Amino acid sequence: KSYMDREKCSPFECGFDPKSFARIPFSLHFFLITVIFLIFDV
């Protein structure tokens, strides 16, 4: 594919931009939802 879009080329990590400051606080809901999903998936 020849389209190079900024949003498509950047990774999506836990709902925040990975190119910004790495030490900004983020919501723990992402982590909790992942753990709940793993429990009910297992």
Full PDB file with SEQRES, HELIX, SHEET, SSBOND, CRYST1, ORIGX, SCALE, CONECT and MASTER records, all heavy atoms in Angstrom:
SEQRES   1 A   42  LYS SER TYR MET ASP ARG GLU LYS CYS SER PRO PHE GLU          
SEQRES   2 A   42  CYS GLY PHE ASP PRO LYS SER PHE ALA ARG ILE PRO PHE          
SEQRES   3 A   42  SER LEU HIS PHE PHE LEU ILE THR VAL ILE PHE LEU ILE          
SEQRES   4 A   42  PHE ASP VAL                                                  
HELIX    1 AA1 ARG A    6  CYS A    9  1                                   4    
HELIX    2 AA2 HIS A   29  ASP A   41  1                                  13    
CRYST1    1.000    1.000    1.000  90.00  90.00  90.00 P 1           1          
ORIGX1      1.000000  0.000000  0.000000        0.00000                         
ORIGX2      0.000000  1.000000  0.000000        0.00000                         
ORIGX3      0.000000  0.000000  1.000000        0.00000                         
SCALE1      1.000000  0.000000  0.000000        0.00000                         
SCALE2      0.000000  1.000000  0.000000        0.00000                         
SCALE3      0.000000  0.000000  1.000000        0.00000                         
ATOM      1  N   LYS A   1       0.859  -1.182   0.000  1.00  0.00           N  
ATOM      2  CA  LYS A   1       0.000   0.000   0.000  1.00  0.00           C  
ATOM      3  C   LYS A   1       0.895   1.232   0.000  1.00  0.00           C  
ATOM      4  O   LYS A   1       1.863   1.304   0.733  1.00  0.00           O  
ATOM      5  CB  LYS A   1      -0.911  -0.010   1.208  1.00  0.00           C  
ATOM      6  CG  LYS A   1      -1.876  -1.162   1.145  1.00  0.00           C  
ATOM      7  CD  LYS A   1      -2.887  -1.091   2.237  1.00  0.00           C  
ATOM      8  CE  LYS A   1      -3.811  -2.274   2.058  1.00  0.00           C  
ATOM      9  NZ  LYS A   1      -4.814  -2.359   3.032  1.00  0.00           N  
ATOM     10  N   SER A   2       0.505   2.187  -0.761  1.00  0.00           N  
ATOM     11  CA  SER A   2       1.379   3.346  -0.916  1.00  0.00           C  
ATOM     12  C   SER A   2       0.953   4.522  -0.055  1.00  0.00           C  
ATOM     13  O   SER A   2       1.621   5.538  -0.056  1.00  0.00           O  
ATOM     14  CB  SER A   2       1.419   3.766  -2.390  1.00  0.00           C  
ATOM     15  OG  SER A   2       0.138   4.136  -2.810  1.00  0.00           O  
ATOM     16  N   TYR A   3      -0.172   4.412   0.673  1.00  0.00           N  
ATOM     17  CA  TYR A   3      -0.526   5.578   1.464  1.00  0.00           C  
ATOM     18  C   TYR A   3       0.279   5.580   2.749  1.00  0.00           C  
ATOM     19  O   TYR A   3       0.317   4.612   3.445  1.00  0.00           O  
ATOM     20  CB  TYR A   3      -1.981   5.620   1.910  1.00  0.00           C  
ATOM     21  CG  TYR A   3      -2.955   4.711   1.313  1.00  0.00           C  
ATOM     22  CD1 TYR A   3      -2.962   3.363   1.577  1.00  0.00           C  
ATOM     23  CD2 TYR A   3      -3.936   5.211   0.491  1.00  0.00           C  
ATOM     24  CE1 TYR A   3      -3.912   2.550   1.043  1.00  0.00           C  
ATOM     25  CE2 TYR A   3      -4.889   4.397  -0.019  1.00  0.00           C  
ATOM     26  CZ  TYR A   3      -4.882   3.063   0.254  1.00  0.00           C  
ATOM     27  OH  TYR A   3      -5.840   2.260  -0.251  1.00  0.00           O  
ATOM     28  N   MET A   4       0.854   6.696   3.028  1.00  0.00           N  
ATOM     29  CA  MET A   4       1.600   6.861   4.269  1.00  0.00           C  
ATOM     30  C   MET A   4       0.891   7.943   5.077  1.00  0.00           C  
ATOM     31  O   MET A   4       1.101   9.133   4.855  1.00  0.00           O  
ATOM     32  CB  MET A   4       3.045   7.268   3.984  1.00  0.00           C  
ATOM     33  CG  MET A   4       3.841   6.194   3.262  1.00  0.00           C  
ATOM     34  SD  MET A   4       3.880   4.658   4.161  1.00  0.00           S  
ATOM     35  CE  MET A   4       5.284   4.929   5.175  1.00  0.00           C  
ATOM     36  N   ASP A   5       0.048   7.538   5.967  1.00  0.00           N  
ATOM     37  CA  ASP A   5      -0.712   8.460   6.792  1.00  0.00           C  
ATOM     38  C   ASP A   5      -0.071   8.507   8.183  1.00  0.00           C  
ATOM     39  O   ASP A   5       0.367   7.482   8.713  1.00  0.00           O  
ATOM     40  CB  ASP A   5      -2.161   7.965   6.882  1.00  0.00           C  
ATOM     41  CG  ASP A   5      -3.091   9.000   7.436  1.00  0.00           C  
ATOM     42  OD1 ASP A   5      -2.678  10.156   7.563  1.00  0.00           O  
ATOM     43  OD2 ASP A   5      -4.249   8.627   7.724  1.00  0.00           O  
ATOM     44  N   ARG A   6      -0.010   9.667   8.785  1.00  0.00           N  
ATOM     45  CA  ARG A   6       0.639   9.797  10.090  1.00  0.00           C  
ATOM     46  C   ARG A   6      -0.045   8.942  11.143  1.00  0.00           C  
ATOM     47  O   ARG A   6       0.601   8.285  11.949  1.00  0.00           O  
ATOM     48  CB  ARG A   6       0.641  11.264  10.516  1.00  0.00           C  
ATOM     49  CG  ARG A   6       1.303  11.493  11.853  1.00  0.00           C  
ATOM     50  CD  ARG A   6       1.269  12.963  12.243  1.00  0.00           C  
ATOM     51  NE  ARG A   6       1.835  13.169  13.541  1.00  0.00           N  
ATOM     52  CZ  ARG A   6       1.145  13.103  14.682  1.00  0.00           C  
ATOM     53  NH1 ARG A   6      -0.130  12.833  14.671  1.00  0.00           N  
ATOM     54  NH2 ARG A   6       1.741  13.321  15.832  1.00  0.00           N  
ATOM     55  N   GLU A   7      -1.368   8.930  11.147  1.00  0.00           N  
ATOM     56  CA  GLU A   7      -2.097   8.164  12.148  1.00  0.00           C  
ATOM     57  C   GLU A   7      -1.940   6.658  11.937  1.00  0.00           C  
ATOM     58  O   GLU A   7      -1.881   5.895  12.885  1.00  0.00           O  
ATOM     59  CB  GLU A   7      -3.582   8.527  12.139  1.00  0.00           C  
ATOM     60  CG  GLU A   7      -3.896   9.853  12.799  1.00  0.00           C  
ATOM     61  CD  GLU A   7      -3.645  11.025  11.874  1.00  0.00           C  
ATOM     62  OE1 GLU A   7      -3.614  10.813  10.648  1.00  0.00           O  
ATOM     63  OE2 GLU A   7      -3.451  12.140  12.376  1.00  0.00           O  
ATOM     64  N   LYS A   8      -1.878   6.259  10.675  1.00  0.00           N  
ATOM     65  CA  LYS A   8      -1.753   4.827  10.407  1.00  0.00           C  
ATOM     66  C   LYS A   8      -0.340   4.321  10.655  1.00  0.00           C  
ATOM     67  O   LYS A   8      -0.146   3.157  10.957  1.00  0.00           O  
ATOM     68  CB  LYS A   8      -2.162   4.524   8.968  1.00  0.00           C  
ATOM     69  CG  LYS A   8      -3.639   4.621   8.758  1.00  0.00           C  
ATOM     70  CD  LYS A   8      -4.008   4.175   7.374  1.00  0.00           C  
ATOM     71  CE  LYS A   8      -5.502   4.260   7.179  1.00  0.00           C  
ATOM     72  NZ  LYS A   8      -5.913   3.794   5.863  1.00  0.00           N  
ATOM     73  N   CYS A   9       0.640   5.186  10.532  1.00  0.00           N  
ATOM     74  CA  CYS A   9       2.029   4.772  10.718  1.00  0.00           C  
ATOM     75  C   CYS A   9       2.451   4.783  12.182  1.00  0.00           C  
ATOM     76  O   CYS A   9       3.427   4.140  12.547  1.00  0.00           O  
ATOM     77  CB  CYS A   9       2.960   5.663   9.918  1.00  0.00           C  
ATOM     78  SG  CYS A   9       2.823   5.404   8.154  1.00  0.00           S  
ATOM     79  N   SER A  10       1.745   5.515  13.026  1.00  0.00           N  
ATOM     80  CA  SER A  10       2.137   5.579  14.432  1.00  0.00           C  
ATOM     81  C   SER A  10       1.429   4.489  15.222  1.00  0.00           C  
ATOM     82  O   SER A  10       0.275   4.160  14.972  1.00  0.00           O  
ATOM     83  CB  SER A  10       1.801   6.952  15.005  1.00  0.00           C  
ATOM     84  OG  SER A  10       0.412   7.106  15.102  1.00  0.00           O  
ATOM     85  N   PRO A  11       2.111   3.888  16.193  1.00  0.00           N  
ATOM     86  CA  PRO A  11       1.474   2.857  17.015  1.00  0.00           C  
ATOM     87  C   PRO A  11       0.468   3.473  17.981  1.00  0.00           C  
ATOM     88  O   PRO A  11       0.607   4.620  18.394  1.00  0.00           O  
ATOM     89  CB  PRO A  11       2.646   2.224  17.764  1.00  0.00           C  
ATOM     90  CG  PRO A  11       3.684   3.279  17.798  1.00  0.00           C  
ATOM     91  CD  PRO A  11       3.511   4.090  16.543  1.00  0.00           C  
ATOM     92  N   PHE A  12      -0.531   2.697  18.336  1.00  0.00           N  
ATOM     93  CA  PHE A  12      -1.551   3.151  19.278  1.00  0.00           C  
ATOM     94  C   PHE A  12      -1.338   2.403  20.584  1.00  0.00           C  
ATOM     95  O   PHE A  12      -1.525   1.195  20.654  1.00  0.00           O  
ATOM     96  CB  PHE A  12      -2.944   2.871  18.714  1.00  0.00           C  
ATOM     97  CG  PHE A  12      -4.043   3.391  19.578  1.00  0.00           C  
ATOM     98  CD1 PHE A  12      -4.303   4.740  19.654  1.00  0.00           C  
ATOM     99  CD2 PHE A  12      -4.828   2.526  20.317  1.00  0.00           C  
ATOM    100  CE1 PHE A  12      -5.320   5.226  20.452  1.00  0.00           C  
ATOM    101  CE2 PHE A  12      -5.843   2.992  21.110  1.00  0.00           C  
ATOM    102  CZ  PHE A  12      -6.091   4.351  21.177  1.00  0.00           C  
ATOM    103  N   GLU A  13      -0.899   3.105  21.603  1.00  0.00           N  
ATOM    104  CA  GLU A  13      -0.584   2.479  22.872  1.00  0.00           C  
ATOM    105  C   GLU A  13      -1.448   3.070  23.977  1.00  0.00           C  
ATOM    106  O   GLU A  13      -1.291   4.222  24.335  1.00  0.00           O  
ATOM    107  CB  GLU A  13       0.891   2.710  23.230  1.00  0.00           C  
ATOM    108  CG  GLU A  13       1.862   2.180  22.217  1.00  0.00           C  
ATOM    109  CD  GLU A  13       2.132   0.709  22.383  1.00  0.00           C  
ATOM    110  OE1 GLU A  13       1.917   0.208  23.495  1.00  0.00           O  
ATOM    111  OE2 GLU A  13       2.538   0.087  21.405  1.00  0.00           O  
ATOM    112  N   CYS A  14      -2.347   2.325  24.506  1.00  0.00           N  
ATOM    113  CA  CYS A  14      -3.139   2.688  25.682  1.00  0.00           C  
ATOM    114  C   CYS A  14      -3.867   4.017  25.550  1.00  0.00           C  
ATOM    115  O   CYS A  14      -4.087   4.711  26.529  1.00  0.00           O  
ATOM    116  CB  CYS A  14      -2.274   2.710  26.929  1.00  0.00           C  
ATOM    117  SG  CYS A  14      -1.567   1.120  27.332  1.00  0.00           S  
ATOM    118  N   GLY A  15      -4.192   4.424  24.356  1.00  0.00           N  
ATOM    119  CA  GLY A  15      -4.997   5.609  24.179  1.00  0.00           C  
ATOM    120  C   GLY A  15      -4.256   6.923  24.206  1.00  0.00           C  
ATOM    121  O   GLY A  15      -4.873   7.968  24.261  1.00  0.00           O  
ATOM    122  N   PHE A  16      -2.937   6.930  24.199  1.00  0.00           N  
ATOM    123  CA  PHE A  16      -2.216   8.195  24.148  1.00  0.00           C  
ATOM    124  C   PHE A  16      -1.140   8.142  23.071  1.00  0.00           C  
ATOM    125  O   PHE A  16      -0.719   7.083  22.643  1.00  0.00           O  
ATOM    126  CB  PHE A  16      -1.625   8.582  25.504  1.00  0.00           C  
ATOM    127  CG  PHE A  16      -0.599   7.623  26.025  1.00  0.00           C  
ATOM    128  CD1 PHE A  16       0.740   7.799  25.738  1.00  0.00           C  
ATOM    129  CD2 PHE A  16      -0.975   6.559  26.815  1.00  0.00           C  
ATOM    130  CE1 PHE A  16       1.679   6.916  26.218  1.00  0.00           C  
ATOM    131  CE2 PHE A  16      -0.040   5.676  27.297  1.00  0.00           C  
ATOM    132  CZ  PHE A  16       1.297   5.853  26.997  1.00  0.00           C  
ATOM    133  N   ASP A  17      -0.703   9.299  22.659  1.00  0.00           N  
ATOM    134  CA  ASP A  17       0.283   9.407  21.585  1.00  0.00           C  
ATOM    135  C   ASP A  17       1.646   8.956  22.092  1.00  0.00           C  
ATOM    136  O   ASP A  17       2.170   9.519  23.052  1.00  0.00           O  
ATOM    137  CB  ASP A  17       0.344  10.854  21.102  1.00  0.00           C  
ATOM    138  CG  ASP A  17       1.217  11.015  19.882  1.00  0.00           C  
ATOM    139  OD1 ASP A  17       1.478  10.006  19.201  1.00  0.00           O  
ATOM    140  OD2 ASP A  17       1.634  12.149  19.598  1.00  0.00           O  
ATOM    141  N   PRO A  18       2.275   7.962  21.450  1.00  0.00           N  
ATOM    142  CA  PRO A  18       3.567   7.474  21.942  1.00  0.00           C  
ATOM    143  C   PRO A  18       4.722   8.437  21.675  1.00  0.00           C  
ATOM    144  O   PRO A  18       5.789   8.277  22.237  1.00  0.00           O  
ATOM    145  CB  PRO A  18       3.765   6.173  21.177  1.00  0.00           C  
ATOM    146  CG  PRO A  18       2.956   6.313  19.964  1.00  0.00           C  
ATOM    147  CD  PRO A  18       1.789   7.182  20.326  1.00  0.00           C  
ATOM    148  N   LYS A  19       4.507   9.437  20.840  1.00  0.00           N  
ATOM    149  CA  LYS A  19       5.584  10.376  20.538  1.00  0.00           C  
ATOM    150  C   LYS A  19       5.632  11.539  21.527  1.00  0.00           C  
ATOM    151  O   LYS A  19       6.516  12.373  21.461  1.00  0.00           O  
ATOM    152  CB  LYS A  19       5.414  10.890  19.109  1.00  0.00           C  
ATOM    153  CG  LYS A  19       5.598   9.788  18.099  1.00  0.00           C  
ATOM    154  CD  LYS A  19       5.458  10.301  16.701  1.00  0.00           C  
ATOM    155  CE  LYS A  19       5.820   9.186  15.750  1.00  0.00           C  
ATOM    156  NZ  LYS A  19       4.755   8.659  15.008  1.00  0.00           N  
ATOM    157  N   SER A  20       4.688  11.584  22.423  1.00  0.00           N  
ATOM    158  CA  SER A  20       4.694  12.660  23.417  1.00  0.00           C  
ATOM    159  C   SER A  20       5.543  12.225  24.624  1.00  0.00           C  
ATOM    160  O   SER A  20       6.177  11.183  24.617  1.00  0.00           O  
ATOM    161  CB  SER A  20       3.265  12.971  23.858  1.00  0.00           C  
ATOM    162  OG  SER A  20       2.707  11.859  24.499  1.00  0.00           O  
ATOM    163  N   PHE A  21       5.509  13.022  25.671  1.00  0.00           N  
ATOM    164  CA  PHE A  21       6.292  12.744  26.872  1.00  0.00           C  
ATOM    165  C   PHE A  21       5.884  11.396  27.463  1.00  0.00           C  
ATOM    166  O   PHE A  21       4.698  11.116  27.652  1.00  0.00           O  
ATOM    167  CB  PHE A  21       6.085  13.874  27.875  1.00  0.00           C  
ATOM    168  CG  PHE A  21       6.961  13.775  29.079  1.00  0.00           C  
ATOM    169  CD1 PHE A  21       8.343  13.842  28.957  1.00  0.00           C  
ATOM    170  CD2 PHE A  21       6.397  13.613  30.327  1.00  0.00           C  
ATOM    171  CE1 PHE A  21       9.138  13.748  30.076  1.00  0.00           C  
ATOM    172  CE2 PHE A  21       7.197  13.517  31.443  1.00  0.00           C  
ATOM    173  CZ  PHE A  21       8.573  13.590  31.319  1.00  0.00           C  
ATOM    174  N   ALA A  22       6.840  10.554  27.776  1.00  0.00           N  
ATOM    175  CA  ALA A  22       6.559   9.180  28.188  1.00  0.00           C  
ATOM    176  C   ALA A  22       6.053   9.061  29.619  1.00  0.00           C  
ATOM    177  O   ALA A  22       5.478   8.032  29.977  1.00  0.00           O  
ATOM    178  CB  ALA A  22       7.811   8.328  28.024  1.00  0.00           C  
ATOM    179  N   ARG A  23       6.253  10.068  30.429  1.00  0.00           N  
ATOM    180  CA  ARG A  23       5.895   9.968  31.853  1.00  0.00           C  
ATOM    181  C   ARG A  23       4.563  10.614  32.198  1.00  0.00           C  
ATOM    182  O   ARG A  23       4.290  10.835  33.364  1.00  0.00           O  
ATOM    183  CB  ARG A  23       6.989  10.591  32.705  1.00  0.00           C  
ATOM    184  CG  ARG A  23       8.328   9.957  32.541  1.00  0.00           C  
ATOM    185  CD  ARG A  23       8.347   8.592  33.158  1.00  0.00           C  
ATOM    186  NE  ARG A  23       9.681   8.027  33.040  1.00  0.00           N  
ATOM    187  CZ  ARG A  23       9.907   6.751  32.955  1.00  0.00           C  
ATOM    188  NH1 ARG A  23       8.919   5.911  32.957  1.00  0.00           N  
ATOM    189  NH2 ARG A  23      11.129   6.312  32.858  1.00  0.00           N  
ATOM    190  N   ILE A  24       3.739  10.900  31.222  1.00  0.00           N  
ATOM    191  CA  ILE A  24       2.443  11.490  31.548  1.00  0.00           C  
ATOM    192  C   ILE A  24       1.535  10.418  32.145  1.00  0.00           C  
ATOM    193  O   ILE A  24       1.601   9.244  31.760  1.00  0.00           O  
ATOM    194  CB  ILE A  24       1.776  12.139  30.316  1.00  0.00           C  
ATOM    195  CG1 ILE A  24       1.550  11.115  29.212  1.00  0.00           C  
ATOM    196  CG2 ILE A  24       2.584  13.301  29.818  1.00  0.00           C  
ATOM    197  CD1 ILE A  24       0.731  11.652  28.056  1.00  0.00           C  
ATOM    198  N   PRO A  25       0.710  10.774  33.109  1.00  0.00           N  
ATOM    199  CA  PRO A  25      -0.184   9.776  33.694  1.00  0.00           C  
ATOM    200  C   PRO A  25      -1.298   9.411  32.714  1.00  0.00           C  
ATOM    201  O   PRO A  25      -1.763  10.242  31.945  1.00  0.00           O  
ATOM    202  CB  PRO A  25      -0.751  10.479  34.931  1.00  0.00           C  
ATOM    203  CG  PRO A  25      -0.621  11.919  34.628  1.00  0.00           C  
ATOM    204  CD  PRO A  25       0.585  12.077  33.739  1.00  0.00           C  
ATOM    205  N   PHE A  26      -1.685   8.159  32.746  1.00  0.00           N  
ATOM    206  CA  PHE A  26      -2.806   7.725  31.926  1.00  0.00           C  
ATOM    207  C   PHE A  26      -3.763   6.938  32.792  1.00  0.00           C  
ATOM    208  O   PHE A  26      -3.413   6.483  33.877  1.00  0.00           O  
ATOM    209  CB  PHE A  26      -2.347   6.915  30.713  1.00  0.00           C  
ATOM    210  CG  PHE A  26      -1.690   5.615  31.056  1.00  0.00           C  
ATOM    211  CD1 PHE A  26      -2.420   4.440  31.069  1.00  0.00           C  
ATOM    212  CD2 PHE A  26      -0.344   5.563  31.363  1.00  0.00           C  
ATOM    213  CE1 PHE A  26      -1.819   3.248  31.384  1.00  0.00           C  
ATOM    214  CE2 PHE A  26       0.262   4.380  31.688  1.00  0.00           C  
ATOM    215  CZ  PHE A  26      -0.473   3.210  31.695  1.00  0.00           C  
ATOM    216  N   SER A  27      -4.944   6.762  32.310  1.00  0.00           N  
ATOM    217  CA  SER A  27      -5.993   6.116  33.078  1.00  0.00           C  
ATOM    218  C   SER A  27      -5.706   4.632  33.254  1.00  0.00           C  
ATOM    219  O   SER A  27      -5.318   3.937  32.313  1.00  0.00           O  
ATOM    220  CB  SER A  27      -7.330   6.302  32.350  1.00  0.00           C  
ATOM    221  OG  SER A  27      -8.330   5.599  33.028  1.00  0.00           O  
ATOM    222  N   LEU A  28      -5.901   4.152  34.454  1.00  0.00           N  
ATOM    223  CA  LEU A  28      -5.696   2.727  34.717  1.00  0.00           C  
ATOM    224  C   LEU A  28      -6.839   1.875  34.211  1.00  0.00           C  
ATOM    225  O   LEU A  28      -6.768   0.660  34.275  1.00  0.00           O  
ATOM    226  CB  LEU A  28      -5.514   2.501  36.216  1.00  0.00           C  
ATOM    227  CG  LEU A  28      -4.180   2.968  36.778  1.00  0.00           C  
ATOM    228  CD1 LEU A  28      -4.141   2.731  38.277  1.00  0.00           C  
ATOM    229  CD2 LEU A  28      -3.029   2.284  36.101  1.00  0.00           C  
ATOM    230  N   HIS A  29      -7.878   2.499  33.679  1.00  0.00           N  
ATOM    231  CA  HIS A  29      -8.998   1.729  33.142  1.00  0.00           C  
ATOM    232  C   HIS A  29      -8.559   0.852  31.980  1.00  0.00           C  
ATOM    233  O   HIS A  29      -9.085  -0.233  31.791  1.00  0.00           O  
ATOM    234  CB  HIS A  29     -10.136   2.646  32.712  1.00  0.00           C  
ATOM    235  CG  HIS A  29     -10.885   3.227  33.855  1.00  0.00           C  
ATOM    236  ND1 HIS A  29     -11.712   2.474  34.646  1.00  0.00           N  
ATOM    237  CD2 HIS A  29     -10.915   4.476  34.351  1.00  0.00           C  
ATOM    238  CE1 HIS A  29     -12.227   3.242  35.575  1.00  0.00           C  
ATOM    239  NE2 HIS A  29     -11.767   4.461  35.422  1.00  0.00           N  
ATOM    240  N   PHE A  30      -7.599   1.310  31.201  1.00  0.00           N  
ATOM    241  CA  PHE A  30      -7.098   0.485  30.105  1.00  0.00           C  
ATOM    242  C   PHE A  30      -6.516  -0.812  30.659  1.00  0.00           C  
ATOM    243  O   PHE A  30      -6.762  -1.895  30.143  1.00  0.00           O  
ATOM    244  CB  PHE A  30      -6.035   1.228  29.298  1.00  0.00           C  
ATOM    245  CG  PHE A  30      -6.574   2.386  28.528  1.00  0.00           C  
ATOM    246  CD1 PHE A  30      -6.331   3.673  28.943  1.00  0.00           C  
ATOM    247  CD2 PHE A  30      -7.322   2.177  27.382  1.00  0.00           C  
ATOM    248  CE1 PHE A  30      -6.820   4.747  28.234  1.00  0.00           C  
ATOM    249  CE2 PHE A  30      -7.828   3.243  26.666  1.00  0.00           C  
ATOM    250  CZ  PHE A  30      -7.576   4.531  27.095  1.00  0.00           C  
ATOM    251  N   PHE A  31      -5.730  -0.685  31.715  1.00  0.00           N  
ATOM    252  CA  PHE A  31      -5.132  -1.862  32.334  1.00  0.00           C  
ATOM    253  C   PHE A  31      -6.195  -2.759  32.957  1.00  0.00           C  
ATOM    254  O   PHE A  31      -6.167  -3.981  32.794  1.00  0.00           O  
ATOM    255  CB  PHE A  31      -4.121  -1.421  33.396  1.00  0.00           C  
ATOM    256  CG  PHE A  31      -3.530  -2.553  34.163  1.00  0.00           C  
ATOM    257  CD1 PHE A  31      -2.611  -3.403  33.573  1.00  0.00           C  
ATOM    258  CD2 PHE A  31      -3.897  -2.782  35.478  1.00  0.00           C  
ATOM    259  CE1 PHE A  31      -2.065  -4.453  34.286  1.00  0.00           C  
ATOM    260  CE2 PHE A  31      -3.362  -3.821  36.198  1.00  0.00           C  
ATOM    261  CZ  PHE A  31      -2.438  -4.658  35.597  1.00  0.00           C  
ATOM    262  N   LEU A  32      -7.148  -2.173  33.666  1.00  0.00           N  
ATOM    263  CA  LEU A  32      -8.182  -2.968  34.325  1.00  0.00           C  
ATOM    264  C   LEU A  32      -9.068  -3.694  33.322  1.00  0.00           C  
ATOM    265  O   LEU A  32      -9.412  -4.871  33.519  1.00  0.00           O  
ATOM    266  CB  LEU A  32      -9.031  -2.073  35.221  1.00  0.00           C  
ATOM    267  CG  LEU A  32      -8.315  -1.504  36.438  1.00  0.00           C  
ATOM    268  CD1 LEU A  32      -9.231  -0.552  37.182  1.00  0.00           C  
ATOM    269  CD2 LEU A  32      -7.853  -2.611  37.344  1.00  0.00           C  
ATOM    270  N   ILE A  33      -9.426  -3.029  32.244  1.00  0.00           N  
ATOM    271  CA  ILE A  33     -10.248  -3.677  31.221  1.00  0.00           C  
ATOM    272  C   ILE A  33      -9.480  -4.828  30.591  1.00  0.00           C  
ATOM    273  O   ILE A  33     -10.048  -5.893  30.305  1.00  0.00           O  
ATOM    274  CB  ILE A  33     -10.700  -2.655  30.156  1.00  0.00           C  
ATOM    275  CG1 ILE A  33     -11.620  -1.611  30.780  1.00  0.00           C  
ATOM    276  CG2 ILE A  33     -11.365  -3.320  28.983  1.00  0.00           C  
ATOM    277  CD1 ILE A  33     -12.910  -2.167  31.350  1.00  0.00           C  
ATOM    278  N   THR A  34      -8.182  -4.667  30.393  1.00  0.00           N  
ATOM    279  CA  THR A  34      -7.367  -5.749  29.838  1.00  0.00           C  
ATOM    280  C   THR A  34      -7.321  -6.936  30.783  1.00  0.00           C  
ATOM    281  O   THR A  34      -7.457  -8.092  30.354  1.00  0.00           O  
ATOM    282  CB  THR A  34      -5.940  -5.241  29.568  1.00  0.00           C  
ATOM    283  OG1 THR A  34      -6.013  -4.116  28.709  1.00  0.00           O  
ATOM    284  CG2 THR A  34      -5.091  -6.314  28.947  1.00  0.00           C  
ATOM    285  N   VAL A  35      -7.147  -6.694  32.054  1.00  0.00           N  
ATOM    286  CA  VAL A  35      -7.103  -7.785  33.025  1.00  0.00           C  
ATOM    287  C   VAL A  35      -8.458  -8.491  33.097  1.00  0.00           C  
ATOM    288  O   VAL A  35      -8.526  -9.731  33.126  1.00  0.00           O  
ATOM    289  CB  VAL A  35      -6.668  -7.253  34.409  1.00  0.00           C  
ATOM    290  CG1 VAL A  35      -6.872  -8.293  35.486  1.00  0.00           C  
ATOM    291  CG2 VAL A  35      -5.226  -6.809  34.365  1.00  0.00           C  
ATOM    292  N   ILE A  36      -9.539  -7.736  33.099  1.00  0.00           N  
ATOM    293  CA  ILE A  36     -10.876  -8.343  33.117  1.00  0.00           C  
ATOM    294  C   ILE A  36     -11.091  -9.177  31.862  1.00  0.00           C  
ATOM    295  O   ILE A  36     -11.619 -10.291  31.926  1.00  0.00           O  
ATOM    296  CB  ILE A  36     -11.950  -7.244  33.272  1.00  0.00           C  
ATOM    297  CG1 ILE A  36     -11.874  -6.628  34.659  1.00  0.00           C  
ATOM    298  CG2 ILE A  36     -13.342  -7.819  33.018  1.00  0.00           C  
ATOM    299  CD1 ILE A  36     -12.709  -5.383  34.823  1.00  0.00           C  
ATOM    300  N   PHE A  37     -10.668  -8.654  30.709  1.00  0.00           N  
ATOM    301  CA  PHE A  37     -10.794  -9.421  29.476  1.00  0.00           C  
ATOM    302  C   PHE A  37     -10.012 -10.725  29.557  1.00  0.00           C  
ATOM    303  O   PHE A  37     -10.499 -11.782  29.152  1.00  0.00           O  
ATOM    304  CB  PHE A  37     -10.311  -8.595  28.279  1.00  0.00           C  
ATOM    305  CG  PHE A  37     -10.210  -9.385  27.019  1.00  0.00           C  
ATOM    306  CD1 PHE A  37     -11.351  -9.733  26.323  1.00  0.00           C  
ATOM    307  CD2 PHE A  37      -8.980  -9.801  26.541  1.00  0.00           C  
ATOM    308  CE1 PHE A  37     -11.275 -10.477  25.168  1.00  0.00           C  
ATOM    309  CE2 PHE A  37      -8.883 -10.533  25.390  1.00  0.00           C  
ATOM    310  CZ  PHE A  37     -10.036 -10.876  24.698  1.00  0.00           C  
ATOM    311  N   LEU A  38      -8.789 -10.669  30.071  1.00  0.00           N  
ATOM    312  CA  LEU A  38      -7.985 -11.880  30.171  1.00  0.00           C  
ATOM    313  C   LEU A  38      -8.615 -12.902  31.110  1.00  0.00           C  
ATOM    314  O   LEU A  38      -8.612 -14.104  30.823  1.00  0.00           O  
ATOM    315  CB  LEU A  38      -6.567 -11.537  30.636  1.00  0.00           C  
ATOM    316  CG  LEU A  38      -5.685 -10.873  29.604  1.00  0.00           C  
ATOM    317  CD1 LEU A  38      -4.355 -10.490  30.221  1.00  0.00           C  
ATOM    318  CD2 LEU A  38      -5.480 -11.782  28.412  1.00  0.00           C  
ATOM    319  N   ILE A  39      -9.167 -12.433  32.212  1.00  0.00           N  
ATOM    320  CA  ILE A  39      -9.801 -13.360  33.157  1.00  0.00           C  
ATOM    321  C   ILE A  39     -10.972 -14.077  32.495  1.00  0.00           C  
ATOM    322  O   ILE A  39     -11.092 -15.295  32.556  1.00  0.00           O  
ATOM    323  CB  ILE A  39     -10.267 -12.609  34.422  1.00  0.00           C  
ATOM    324  CG1 ILE A  39      -9.056 -12.189  35.245  1.00  0.00           C  
ATOM    325  CG2 ILE A  39     -11.210 -13.471  35.251  1.00  0.00           C  
ATOM    326  CD1 ILE A  39      -9.391 -11.251  36.373  1.00  0.00           C  
ATOM    327  N   PHE A  40     -11.831 -13.326  31.817  1.00  0.00           N  
ATOM    328  CA  PHE A  40     -13.007 -13.944  31.219  1.00  0.00           C  
ATOM    329  C   PHE A  40     -12.695 -14.605  29.884  1.00  0.00           C  
ATOM    330  O   PHE A  40     -13.502 -15.372  29.374  1.00  0.00           O  
ATOM    331  CB  PHE A  40     -14.138 -12.929  31.091  1.00  0.00           C  
ATOM    332  CG  PHE A  40     -14.749 -12.609  32.421  1.00  0.00           C  
ATOM    333  CD1 PHE A  40     -14.448 -11.426  33.059  1.00  0.00           C  
ATOM    334  CD2 PHE A  40     -15.586 -13.508  33.034  1.00  0.00           C  
ATOM    335  CE1 PHE A  40     -14.992 -11.134  34.293  1.00  0.00           C  
ATOM    336  CE2 PHE A  40     -16.133 -13.228  34.270  1.00  0.00           C  
ATOM    337  CZ  PHE A  40     -15.833 -12.040  34.906  1.00  0.00           C  
ATOM    338  N   ASP A  41     -11.527 -14.333  29.319  1.00  0.00           N  
ATOM    339  CA  ASP A  41     -11.120 -15.033  28.110  1.00  0.00           C  
ATOM    340  C   ASP A  41     -10.493 -16.377  28.458  1.00  0.00           C  
ATOM    341  O   ASP A  41     -10.703 -17.367  27.763  1.00  0.00           O  
ATOM    342  CB  ASP A  41     -10.131 -14.168  27.323  1.00  0.00           C  
ATOM    343  CG  ASP A  41      -9.891 -14.704  25.935  1.00  0.00           C  
ATOM    344  OD1 ASP A  41     -10.887 -15.103  25.291  1.00  0.00           O  
ATOM    345  OD2 ASP A  41      -8.734 -14.733  25.499  1.00  0.00           O  
ATOM    346  N   VAL A  42      -9.749 -16.420  29.540  1.00  0.00           N  
ATOM    347  CA  VAL A  42      -9.127 -17.672  29.965  1.00  0.00           C  
ATOM    348  C   VAL A  42     -10.183 -18.670  30.415  1.00  0.00           C  
ATOM    349  O   VAL A  42     -10.023 -19.884  30.250  1.00  0.00           O  
ATOM    350  CB  VAL A  42      -8.088 -17.390  31.077  1.00  0.00           C  
ATOM    351  CG1 VAL A  42      -7.626 -18.649  31.754  1.00  0.00           C  
ATOM    352  CG2 VAL A  42      -6.902 -16.655  30.480  1.00  0.00           C  
TER     353      VAL A  42                                                      
MASTER        0    0    0    2    0    0    0    6  352    1    0    4          
END                                                                             
